[in-house]
Amino acid sequence: MAGLLDGLGEMGLKNLEGMDLYEKPAAKEAEKKQAAAPVVKETDFLFDKGFDCPVCGNKIKARTLRSGRARVIRTDTDLRPVYENIEPLKYDPVVCSKCGYSALARFFPSLTQSQVKEIQEKISKAFQANIAEQEVYSYEEAMYRYKLCLANAIVKNAKASEKAYICLKAGWLTRSWQERLAADKTPENEKKCEELKAQETEYLKNAMEGFLTARQTEDYPMCGMDETTVEFLLSVLSMEYGNLDTASRLISTIITSPAASSRMKDKARDVKDMILAKMKEKK
C-alpha cells in the first residue's frame, strides 16, 4: 500500500516519505514535559550578600535567599513556612568566621558598644574558626550557626524576643531536618529523628517562654511580627506544650480582636477547636 508521501524521493526528499500525518498526543506531551522539567538546584535560590562585622570590621559574604524565588507550599500550625526545593531557614544566620560574632540577618548589624565588648571578651578571644564558606549549607552546618547565634545573643544580653526568635527558627529547622531524614527510613535516620524531635521540643519550649516574657516588656512589632501574630504563635506553642489555659485565653483574644484579619480569625478558630479537643482528652 502506497504511503501518503510516497514519491517525494524523486524530489530529493525520500527521508520525509515515512512521516506521520498526525502527531501522537501522548508522545508529544511526554516530550513537552521532559523539555519543561529542568533540574532545580539549591544554588538557584541563593546569592552572596555582603555584611560588615560590627565586632571586628571583617567583610563577610553570607549565602542569602533571593527575594521572590522560593515558593511556599504550606504553613504549619505554628506558622513555620515550608518551601518547595529549598529550606531558607538554613541561611538566616550570619556568622563572622574571624571573630565568631553571629546573629540572625535582621539583627546582625545592630550592636551597642557594650555588647561589642562582651562579645570580644567572651566569644572572640576563645573562638576557633571552624566555618568554611560553601555554596549550600547542610543541616548540620546550619544548626551549628544557630547555636552560635544563640550563644552570642546570651552573651550580649539580647532582648528576650531575639533569643526566642532564634529558638523558634532553630526548632523549625530541626523539624525540617526530621522531614528530610524521614524520606529515607533507615535505623540510623530513625534514631537521629528521635534526637532531633527532643531538640525541637527544647527549642520551641524556650521560644514560648521567651515570647511570653517579651510581650510583657517589649513593644510591637516584635522580630517583624505584629501583636496578633505573636499571640497566635504563643497560643499554638502553649497548646503544644501543655499550657492549655494560656492557649485558650490567647486564642480567644484573637477571635474577638478588631485588629485581627478574617483569615487570622479563621485560623484561630481552627486552633481553638484543637485546644478544646485537648482539654476534653485531659479530663
Protein backbone atom coordinates (compact mmCIF):
# COMPACT_ATOMS: atom_id res chain seq x y z
CA MET A 1 0.00 0.00 0.00
CA ALA A 2 1.42 3.36 -1.02
CA GLY A 3 2.20 5.87 1.64
CA LEU A 4 0.73 9.33 1.69
CA LEU A 5 4.07 10.87 0.83
CA ASP A 6 5.45 8.22 -1.50
CA GLY A 7 7.21 9.77 -4.48
CA LEU A 8 8.89 12.63 -2.62
CA GLY A 9 12.11 10.74 -3.09
CA GLU A 10 12.09 11.76 -6.69
CA MET A 11 12.49 15.35 -5.49
CA GLY A 12 15.33 14.51 -3.11
CA LEU A 13 13.01 14.25 -0.05
CA LYS A 14 12.93 10.48 0.45
CA ASN A 15 13.66 10.91 4.15
CA LEU A 16 10.25 12.60 4.55
CA GLU A 17 8.17 9.85 2.91
CA GLY A 18 7.51 7.99 6.17
CA MET A 19 6.42 10.95 8.32
CA ASP A 20 3.23 10.62 10.37
CA LEU A 21 0.41 12.88 9.25
CA TYR A 22 -0.80 13.49 12.84
CA GLU A 23 1.43 13.73 15.92
CA LYS A 24 0.68 11.23 18.65
CA PRO A 25 -0.63 13.32 21.61
CA ALA A 26 0.92 11.12 24.31
CA ALA A 27 4.37 11.22 22.75
CA LYS A 28 4.14 14.97 22.15
CA GLU A 29 3.05 15.63 25.74
CA ALA A 30 5.85 13.46 27.11
CA GLU A 31 8.40 15.40 25.06
CA LYS A 32 7.00 18.70 26.38
CA LYS A 33 7.17 17.55 29.99
CA GLN A 34 10.71 16.32 29.55
CA ALA A 35 11.78 19.60 28.00
CA ALA A 36 9.97 21.68 30.65
CA ALA A 37 11.47 19.97 33.69
CA PRO A 38 14.95 21.42 34.23
CA VAL A 39 16.91 20.27 37.26
CA VAL A 40 16.31 22.63 40.18
CA LYS A 41 19.39 23.25 42.34
CA GLU A 42 19.55 24.87 45.77
CA THR A 43 22.12 27.32 44.46
CA ASP A 44 19.48 28.69 42.04
CA PHE A 45 17.76 30.33 45.04
CA LEU A 46 20.86 31.84 46.66
CA PHE A 47 23.32 34.70 46.27
CA ASP A 48 26.17 36.18 48.30
CA LYS A 49 25.14 39.19 50.37
CA GLY A 50 27.77 41.45 51.91
CA PHE A 51 27.89 42.34 55.62
CA ASP A 52 30.35 44.33 57.72
CA CYS A 53 31.03 42.67 61.06
CA PRO A 54 30.23 45.25 63.79
CA VAL A 55 32.61 43.49 66.19
CA CYS A 56 35.84 43.18 64.18
CA GLY A 57 35.13 45.02 60.90
CA ASN A 58 35.60 41.90 58.79
CA LYS A 59 33.91 41.90 55.37
CA ILE A 60 31.51 38.96 55.21
CA LYS A 61 29.77 37.29 52.32
CA ALA A 62 26.77 35.30 53.55
CA ARG A 63 24.66 32.96 51.45
CA THR A 64 21.22 34.57 51.24
CA LEU A 65 17.85 33.64 49.73
CA ARG A 66 16.93 35.53 46.57
CA SER A 67 13.76 37.52 47.11
CA GLY A 68 10.69 36.06 45.42
CA ARG A 69 12.42 32.93 44.09
CA ALA A 70 11.15 30.35 46.60
CA ARG A 71 7.54 29.17 46.63
CA VAL A 72 5.67 28.40 49.87
CA ILE A 73 3.77 25.12 49.58
CA ARG A 74 2.25 25.05 53.07
CA THR A 75 2.40 26.62 56.52
CA ASP A 76 2.47 24.55 59.71
CA THR A 77 0.08 25.36 62.56
CA ASP A 78 2.84 27.20 64.43
CA LEU A 79 3.45 29.38 61.33
CA ARG A 80 6.53 27.59 60.05
CA PRO A 81 6.59 28.12 56.26
CA VAL A 82 7.52 25.13 54.11
CA TYR A 83 9.07 25.91 50.73
CA GLU A 84 9.48 23.94 47.53
CA ASN A 85 13.04 22.81 46.69
CA ILE A 86 14.76 24.94 49.37
CA GLU A 87 14.93 25.35 53.15
CA PRO A 88 15.52 29.09 53.68
CA LEU A 89 15.90 28.63 57.44
CA LYS A 90 19.40 27.30 56.82
CA TYR A 91 20.51 30.68 55.51
CA ASP A 92 19.15 33.06 58.14
CA PRO A 93 22.17 33.10 60.50
CA VAL A 94 25.11 35.33 59.54
CA VAL A 95 28.47 34.32 61.01
CA CYS A 96 31.78 36.13 61.10
CA SER A 97 34.42 33.44 60.70
CA LYS A 98 37.10 35.79 62.03
CA CYS A 99 35.73 36.75 65.47
CA GLY A 100 32.77 34.42 65.99
CA TYR A 101 30.08 37.09 66.12
CA SER A 102 26.82 35.58 64.87
CA ALA A 103 23.22 36.73 64.62
CA LEU A 104 20.15 36.25 62.50
CA ALA A 105 20.34 38.54 59.48
CA ARG A 106 17.74 41.03 60.78
CA PHE A 107 19.74 41.57 63.99
CA PHE A 108 23.30 41.29 62.68
CA PRO A 109 24.23 44.99 62.19
CA SER A 110 22.71 46.22 65.47
CA LEU A 111 25.11 46.20 68.40
CA THR A 112 25.85 48.66 71.18
CA GLN A 113 29.43 49.32 72.26
CA SER A 114 28.86 47.40 75.49
CA GLN A 115 27.59 44.41 73.50
CA VAL A 116 30.64 44.54 71.23
CA LYS A 117 32.87 44.47 74.30
CA GLU A 118 31.02 41.48 75.78
CA ILE A 119 31.33 39.51 72.55
CA GLN A 120 35.01 40.35 72.18
CA GLU A 121 35.71 39.24 75.74
CA LYS A 122 33.54 36.14 75.95
CA ILE A 123 33.46 34.84 72.36
CA SER A 124 36.14 36.32 70.11
CA LYS A 125 39.05 35.62 72.47
CA ALA A 126 38.26 31.91 72.62
CA PHE A 127 36.71 31.44 69.18
CA GLN A 128 38.41 28.94 66.88
CA ALA A 129 37.10 29.28 63.35
CA ASN A 130 35.54 26.08 62.09
CA ILE A 131 33.48 27.60 59.29
CA ALA A 132 34.17 27.19 55.60
CA GLU A 133 32.17 29.20 53.10
CA GLN A 134 30.10 26.84 50.98
CA GLU A 135 27.65 27.17 48.11
CA VAL A 136 24.95 25.43 50.16
CA TYR A 137 24.71 24.61 53.86
CA SER A 138 23.96 21.19 55.26
CA TYR A 139 21.51 20.87 58.16
CA GLU A 140 24.45 20.13 60.46
CA GLU A 141 26.21 23.33 59.38
CA ALA A 142 23.02 25.36 59.71
CA MET A 143 22.35 24.10 63.25
CA TYR A 144 25.93 24.95 64.21
CA ARG A 145 25.27 28.51 63.04
CA TYR A 146 22.03 28.77 65.02
CA LYS A 147 23.84 27.65 68.16
CA LEU A 148 26.47 30.34 67.58
CA CYS A 149 23.66 32.90 67.18
CA LEU A 150 22.08 31.82 70.44
CA ALA A 151 25.40 31.89 72.31
CA ASN A 152 26.05 35.43 71.03
CA ALA A 153 22.53 36.52 71.98
CA ILE A 154 23.05 35.27 75.53
CA VAL A 155 26.48 36.91 75.82
CA LYS A 156 25.30 40.29 74.51
CA ASN A 157 22.20 40.14 76.76
CA ALA A 158 19.84 40.42 73.79
CA LYS A 159 16.15 41.09 74.20
CA ALA A 160 14.00 38.12 75.15
CA SER A 161 12.27 38.34 71.77
CA GLU A 162 15.54 37.94 69.85
CA LYS A 163 16.55 34.88 71.86
CA ALA A 164 13.04 33.46 71.49
CA TYR A 165 13.11 34.06 67.74
CA ILE A 166 16.40 32.19 67.38
CA CYS A 167 14.94 29.28 69.35
CA LEU A 168 11.79 29.33 67.23
CA LYS A 169 13.69 29.13 63.96
CA ALA A 170 16.11 26.52 65.30
CA GLY A 171 13.12 24.42 66.36
CA TRP A 172 11.58 24.77 62.92
CA LEU A 173 14.89 23.79 61.33
CA THR A 174 15.14 20.59 63.38
CA ARG A 175 11.61 19.70 62.22
CA SER A 176 12.64 20.29 58.61
CA TRP A 177 15.68 18.09 59.16
CA GLN A 178 13.46 15.32 60.55
CA GLU A 179 11.24 15.51 57.47
CA ARG A 180 14.27 15.17 55.22
CA LEU A 181 15.56 12.12 57.10
CA ALA A 182 12.11 10.50 57.25
CA ALA A 183 12.10 10.27 53.45
CA ASP A 184 14.84 7.61 53.75
CA LYS A 185 13.83 5.24 56.54
CA THR A 186 16.92 3.59 57.97
CA PRO A 187 17.69 2.66 61.59
CA GLU A 188 20.28 5.43 61.71
CA ASN A 189 17.83 8.03 60.42
CA GLU A 190 15.10 6.91 62.81
CA LYS A 191 17.48 7.26 65.75
CA LYS A 192 18.59 10.69 64.56
CA CYS A 193 14.96 11.77 64.19
CA GLU A 194 14.31 10.87 67.83
CA GLU A 195 17.23 13.06 68.89
CA LEU A 196 16.04 15.90 66.66
CA LYS A 197 12.48 15.67 67.99
CA ALA A 198 13.79 16.14 71.53
CA GLN A 199 15.83 19.14 70.33
CA GLU A 200 12.81 20.61 68.56
CA THR A 201 10.77 20.38 71.75
CA GLU A 202 13.52 22.04 73.78
CA TYR A 203 13.96 24.90 71.32
CA LEU A 204 10.24 25.57 70.93
CA LYS A 205 9.57 25.47 74.67
CA ASN A 206 12.27 28.10 75.11
CA ALA A 207 10.78 30.12 72.26
CA MET A 208 7.43 30.06 74.04
CA GLU A 209 8.93 31.17 77.34
CA GLY A 210 10.90 33.94 75.65
CA PHE A 211 7.94 35.38 73.77
CA LEU A 212 5.75 35.20 76.88
CA THR A 213 8.36 37.32 78.65
CA ALA A 214 8.84 39.66 75.70
CA ARG A 215 5.14 40.51 75.36
CA GLN A 216 5.23 41.88 78.91
CA THR A 217 8.30 44.05 78.42
CA GLU A 218 8.72 44.89 74.71
CA ASP A 219 6.86 46.85 72.06
CA TYR A 220 5.45 45.62 68.76
CA PRO A 221 6.34 44.80 66.05
CA MET A 222 8.48 42.05 67.57
CA CYS A 223 11.01 40.36 65.28
CA GLY A 224 8.94 41.58 62.34
CA MET A 225 5.70 40.17 63.81
CA ASP A 226 2.68 42.20 64.89
CA GLU A 227 0.83 41.57 68.13
CA THR A 228 -1.79 39.27 66.59
CA THR A 229 0.88 37.05 65.02
CA VAL A 230 2.82 36.74 68.26
CA GLU A 231 -0.36 35.96 70.22
CA PHE A 232 -1.34 33.30 67.69
CA LEU A 233 2.13 31.74 67.78
CA LEU A 234 2.08 31.69 71.57
CA SER A 235 -1.35 30.10 71.67
CA VAL A 236 -0.16 27.26 69.39
CA LEU A 237 3.06 26.71 71.34
CA SER A 238 1.20 26.84 74.65
CA MET A 239 -1.28 24.27 73.35
CA GLU A 240 1.53 22.02 72.12
CA TYR A 241 3.46 22.13 75.37
CA GLY A 242 0.71 21.71 77.91
CA ASN A 243 -0.33 25.22 78.91
CA LEU A 244 -3.91 24.89 77.67
CA ASP A 245 -5.38 27.69 79.80
CA THR A 246 -2.93 30.21 78.36
CA ALA A 247 -3.52 28.86 74.87
CA SER A 248 -7.30 29.20 75.25
CA ARG A 249 -7.08 32.73 76.61
CA LEU A 250 -4.75 33.94 73.85
CA ILE A 251 -6.70 32.38 71.01
CA SER A 252 -9.99 33.80 72.29
CA THR A 253 -8.42 37.27 72.32
CA ILE A 254 -7.57 36.93 68.62
CA ILE A 255 -11.05 35.74 67.67
CA THR A 256 -12.64 38.81 69.28
CA SER A 257 -9.95 41.30 68.25
CA PRO A 258 -10.99 44.03 65.79
CA ALA A 259 -7.34 44.26 64.67
CA ALA A 260 -7.13 40.61 63.54
CA SER A 261 -7.79 39.82 59.88
CA SER A 262 -10.61 37.48 58.90
CA ARG A 263 -8.01 34.97 57.67
CA MET A 264 -6.23 35.03 61.04
CA LYS A 265 -9.55 34.65 62.87
CA ASP A 266 -10.38 31.59 60.77
CA LYS A 267 -7.03 30.05 61.68
CA ALA A 268 -7.63 30.97 65.33
CA ARG A 269 -10.99 29.19 65.31
CA ASP A 270 -9.31 26.05 63.98
CA VAL A 271 -6.74 26.22 66.79
CA LYS A 272 -9.50 26.82 69.35
CA ASP A 273 -11.14 23.57 68.25
CA MET A 274 -7.81 21.79 68.72
CA ILE A 275 -7.41 23.29 72.19
CA LEU A 276 -10.92 22.23 73.22
CA ALA A 277 -10.22 18.70 71.97
CA LYS A 278 -7.04 18.54 74.07
CA MET A 279 -8.91 19.87 77.12
CA LYS A 280 -11.51 17.16 76.63
CA GLU A 281 -8.83 14.48 76.39
CA LYS A 282 -7.20 15.80 79.56
CA LYS A 283 -10.43 15.43 81.51
